Amino acid sequence: MNKKTYILVFITKDIGNTMLRKLSKAFHLQIHLKNIYQTIY
């Protein structure tokens, strides 16, 4: 694997990981909000 391909793969992986982290955070937040609503009502 040459250097250009390696860098491209690295960047793609990094972006993918960041997206996944944001998605899981949003997902946890949604569950958290649902729990809060259930406690209030």
PDB file of N, CA and C in Angstrom:
ATOM      1  N   MET A   1       0.848  -1.190   0.000  1.00  0.00           N
ATOM      2  CA  MET A   1       0.000   0.000   0.000  1.00  0.00           C
ATOM      3  C   MET A   1       0.892   1.252   0.000  1.00  0.00           C
ATOM      4  N   ASN A   2       0.670   2.142  -0.994  1.00  0.00           N
ATOM      5  CA  ASN A   2       1.511   3.336  -1.034  1.00  0.00           C
ATOM      6  C   ASN A   2       1.012   4.389  -0.057  1.00  0.00           C
ATOM      7  N   LYS A   3       1.794   5.431   0.105  1.00  0.00           N
ATOM      8  CA  LYS A   3       1.518   6.420   1.149  1.00  0.00           C
ATOM      9  C   LYS A   3       0.186   7.125   0.944  1.00  0.00           C
ATOM     10  N   LYS A   4      -0.144   7.482  -0.301  1.00  0.00           N
ATOM     11  CA  LYS A   4      -1.400   8.195  -0.576  1.00  0.00           C
ATOM     12  C   LYS A   4      -2.596   7.374  -0.142  1.00  0.00           C
ATOM     13  N   THR A   5      -2.609   6.105  -0.508  1.00  0.00           N
ATOM     14  CA  THR A   5      -3.726   5.229  -0.153  1.00  0.00           C
ATOM     15  C   THR A   5      -3.820   5.115   1.362  1.00  0.00           C
ATOM     16  N   TYR A   6      -2.661   4.989   2.008  1.00  0.00           N
ATOM     17  CA  TYR A   6      -2.644   4.844   3.459  1.00  0.00           C
ATOM     18  C   TYR A   6      -3.270   6.055   4.131  1.00  0.00           C
ATOM     19  N   ILE A   7      -2.880   7.250   3.692  1.00  0.00           N
ATOM     20  CA  ILE A   7      -3.409   8.485   4.269  1.00  0.00           C
ATOM     21  C   ILE A   7      -4.916   8.568   4.044  1.00  0.00           C
ATOM     22  N   LEU A   8      -5.357   8.211   2.837  1.00  0.00           N
ATOM     23  CA  LEU A   8      -6.780   8.248   2.504  1.00  0.00           C
ATOM     24  C   LEU A   8      -7.571   7.322   3.420  1.00  0.00           C
ATOM     25  N   VAL A   9      -7.071   6.104   3.604  1.00  0.00           N
ATOM     26  CA  VAL A   9      -7.736   5.133   4.475  1.00  0.00           C
ATOM     27  C   VAL A   9      -7.781   5.663   5.902  1.00  0.00           C
ATOM     28  N   PHE A  10      -6.676   6.263   6.342  1.00  0.00           N
ATOM     29  CA  PHE A  10      -6.598   6.784   7.699  1.00  0.00           C
ATOM     30  C   PHE A  10      -7.638   7.879   7.915  1.00  0.00           C
ATOM     31  N   ILE A  11      -7.737   8.806   6.953  1.00  0.00           N
ATOM     32  CA  ILE A  11      -8.703   9.907   7.053  1.00  0.00           C
ATOM     33  C   ILE A  11     -10.131   9.361   7.064  1.00  0.00           C
ATOM     34  N   THR A  12     -10.401   8.408   6.164  1.00  0.00           N
ATOM     35  CA  THR A  12     -11.742   7.830   6.084  1.00  0.00           C
ATOM     36  C   THR A  12     -12.109   7.161   7.400  1.00  0.00           C
ATOM     37  N   LYS A  13     -11.159   6.418   7.954  1.00  0.00           N
ATOM     38  CA  LYS A  13     -11.398   5.737   9.236  1.00  0.00           C
ATOM     39  C   LYS A  13     -11.689   6.751  10.320  1.00  0.00           C
ATOM     40  N   ASP A  14     -10.907   7.831  10.344  1.00  0.00           N
ATOM     41  CA  ASP A  14     -11.054   8.867  11.364  1.00  0.00           C
ATOM     42  C   ASP A  14     -12.433   9.502  11.275  1.00  0.00           C
ATOM     43  N   ILE A  15     -12.846   9.851  10.050  1.00  0.00           N
ATOM     44  CA  ILE A  15     -14.165  10.459   9.847  1.00  0.00           C
ATOM     45  C   ILE A  15     -15.252   9.475  10.264  1.00  0.00           C
ATOM     46  N   GLY A  16     -15.097   8.214   9.890  1.00  0.00           N
ATOM     47  CA  GLY A  16     -16.068   7.184  10.240  1.00  0.00           C
ATOM     48  C   GLY A  16     -16.215   7.041  11.748  1.00  0.00           C
ATOM     49  N   ASN A  17     -15.089   7.032  12.441  1.00  0.00           N
ATOM     50  CA  ASN A  17     -15.116   6.905  13.901  1.00  0.00           C
ATOM     51  C   ASN A  17     -15.805   8.096  14.551  1.00  0.00           C
ATOM     52  N   THR A  18     -15.513   9.289  14.044  1.00  0.00           N
ATOM     53  CA  THR A  18     -16.128  10.498  14.592  1.00  0.00           C
ATOM     54  C   THR A  18     -17.641  10.465  14.392  1.00  0.00           C
ATOM     55  N   MET A  19     -18.071  10.053  13.179  1.00  0.00           N
ATOM     56  CA  MET A  19     -19.492   9.970  12.872  1.00  0.00           C
ATOM     57  C   MET A  19     -20.168   8.971  13.799  1.00  0.00           C
ATOM     58  N   LEU A  20     -19.530   7.814  13.985  1.00  0.00           N
ATOM     59  CA  LEU A  20     -20.096   6.776  14.846  1.00  0.00           C
ATOM     60  C   LEU A  20     -20.235   7.281  16.277  1.00  0.00           C
ATOM     61  N   ARG A  21     -19.214   7.992  16.736  1.00  0.00           N
ATOM     62  CA  ARG A  21     -19.246   8.508  18.100  1.00  0.00           C
ATOM     63  C   ARG A  21     -20.389   9.504  18.266  1.00  0.00           C
ATOM     64  N   LYS A  22     -20.539  10.388  17.271  1.00  0.00           N
ATOM     65  CA  LYS A  22     -21.619  11.381  17.338  1.00  0.00           C
ATOM     66  C   LYS A  22     -22.972  10.695  17.301  1.00  0.00           C
ATOM     67  N   LEU A  23     -23.086   9.661  16.457  1.00  0.00           N
ATOM     68  CA  LEU A  23     -24.351   8.937  16.350  1.00  0.00           C
ATOM     69  C   LEU A  23     -24.701   8.259  17.665  1.00  0.00           C
ATOM     70  N   SER A  24     -23.727   7.590  18.268  1.00  0.00           N
ATOM     71  CA  SER A  24     -24.002   6.884  19.525  1.00  0.00           C
ATOM     72  C   SER A  24     -24.329   7.874  20.633  1.00  0.00           C
ATOM     73  N   LYS A  25     -23.659   9.039  20.611  1.00  0.00           N
ATOM     74  CA  LYS A  25     -23.962  10.071  21.615  1.00  0.00           C
ATOM     75  C   LYS A  25     -25.396  10.549  21.456  1.00  0.00           C
ATOM     76  N   ALA A  26     -25.793  10.814  20.213  1.00  0.00           N
ATOM     77  CA  ALA A  26     -27.156  11.279  19.937  1.00  0.00           C
ATOM     78  C   ALA A  26     -28.160  10.216  20.365  1.00  0.00           C
ATOM     79  N   PHE A  27     -27.820   8.949  20.098  1.00  0.00           N
ATOM     80  CA  PHE A  27     -28.699   7.846  20.449  1.00  0.00           C
ATOM     81  C   PHE A  27     -28.879   7.767  21.967  1.00  0.00           C
ATOM     82  N   HIS A  28     -27.766   7.874  22.702  1.00  0.00           N
ATOM     83  CA  HIS A  28     -27.835   7.829  24.166  1.00  0.00           C
ATOM     84  C   HIS A  28     -28.635   9.004  24.706  1.00  0.00           C
ATOM     85  N   LEU A  29     -28.455  10.171  24.076  1.00  0.00           N
ATOM     86  CA  LEU A  29     -29.174  11.364  24.498  1.00  0.00           C
ATOM     87  C   LEU A  29     -30.673  11.157  24.325  1.00  0.00           C
ATOM     88  N   GLN A  30     -31.062  10.543  23.204  1.00  0.00           N
ATOM     89  CA  GLN A  30     -32.468  10.284  22.924  1.00  0.00           C
ATOM     90  C   GLN A  30     -33.062   9.382  24.001  1.00  0.00           C
ATOM     91  N   ILE A  31     -32.352   8.320  24.341  1.00  0.00           N
ATOM     92  CA  ILE A  31     -32.824   7.394  25.377  1.00  0.00           C
ATOM     93  C   ILE A  31     -32.940   8.134  26.711  1.00  0.00           C
ATOM     94  N   HIS A  32     -31.943   8.956  27.003  1.00  0.00           N
ATOM     95  CA  HIS A  32     -31.920   9.720  28.245  1.00  0.00           C
ATOM     96  C   HIS A  32     -33.130  10.641  28.325  1.00  0.00           C
ATOM     97  N   LEU A  33     -33.416  11.332  27.217  1.00  0.00           N
ATOM     98  CA  LEU A  33     -34.566  12.250  27.188  1.00  0.00           C
ATOM     99  C   LEU A  33     -35.867  11.487  27.365  1.00  0.00           C
ATOM    100  N   LYS A  34     -35.968  10.324  26.749  1.00  0.00           N
ATOM    101  CA  LYS A  34     -37.175   9.497  26.892  1.00  0.00           C
ATOM    102  C   LYS A  34     -37.380   9.131  28.349  1.00  0.00           C
ATOM    103  N   ASN A  35     -36.296   8.761  29.022  1.00  0.00           N
ATOM    104  CA  ASN A  35     -36.389   8.405  30.436  1.00  0.00           C
ATOM    105  C   ASN A  35     -36.848   9.595  31.272  1.00  0.00           C
ATOM    106  N   ILE A  36     -36.333  10.771  30.951  1.00  0.00           N
ATOM    107  CA  ILE A  36     -36.721  11.984  31.680  1.00  0.00           C
ATOM    108  C   ILE A  36     -38.209  12.252  31.487  1.00  0.00           C
ATOM    109  N   TYR A  37     -38.670  12.130  30.243  1.00  0.00           N
ATOM    110  CA  TYR A  37     -40.094  12.356  29.965  1.00  0.00           C
ATOM    111  C   TYR A  37     -40.964  11.371  30.736  1.00  0.00           C
ATOM    112  N   GLN A  38     -40.523  10.121  30.793  1.00  0.00           N
ATOM    113  CA  GLN A  38     -41.307   9.105  31.488  1.00  0.00           C
ATOM    114  C   GLN A  38     -41.362   9.388  32.986  1.00  0.00           C
ATOM    115  N   THR A  39     -40.294   9.966  33.530  1.00  0.00           N
ATOM    116  CA  THR A  39     -40.309  10.264  34.963  1.00  0.00           C
ATOM    117  C   THR A  39     -41.204  11.452  35.251  1.00  0.00           C
ATOM    118  N   ILE A  40     -41.219  12.433  34.333  1.00  0.00           N
ATOM    119  CA  ILE A  40     -42.045  13.632  34.553  1.00  0.00           C
ATOM    120  C   ILE A  40     -43.524  13.279  34.435  1.00  0.00           C
ATOM    121  N   TYR A  41     -43.883  12.531  33.376  1.00  0.00           N
ATOM    122  CA  TYR A  41     -45.305  12.234  33.141  1.00  0.00           C
ATOM    123  C   TYR A  41     -45.708  10.886  33.694  1.00  0.00           C
TER     124      TYR A  41
END
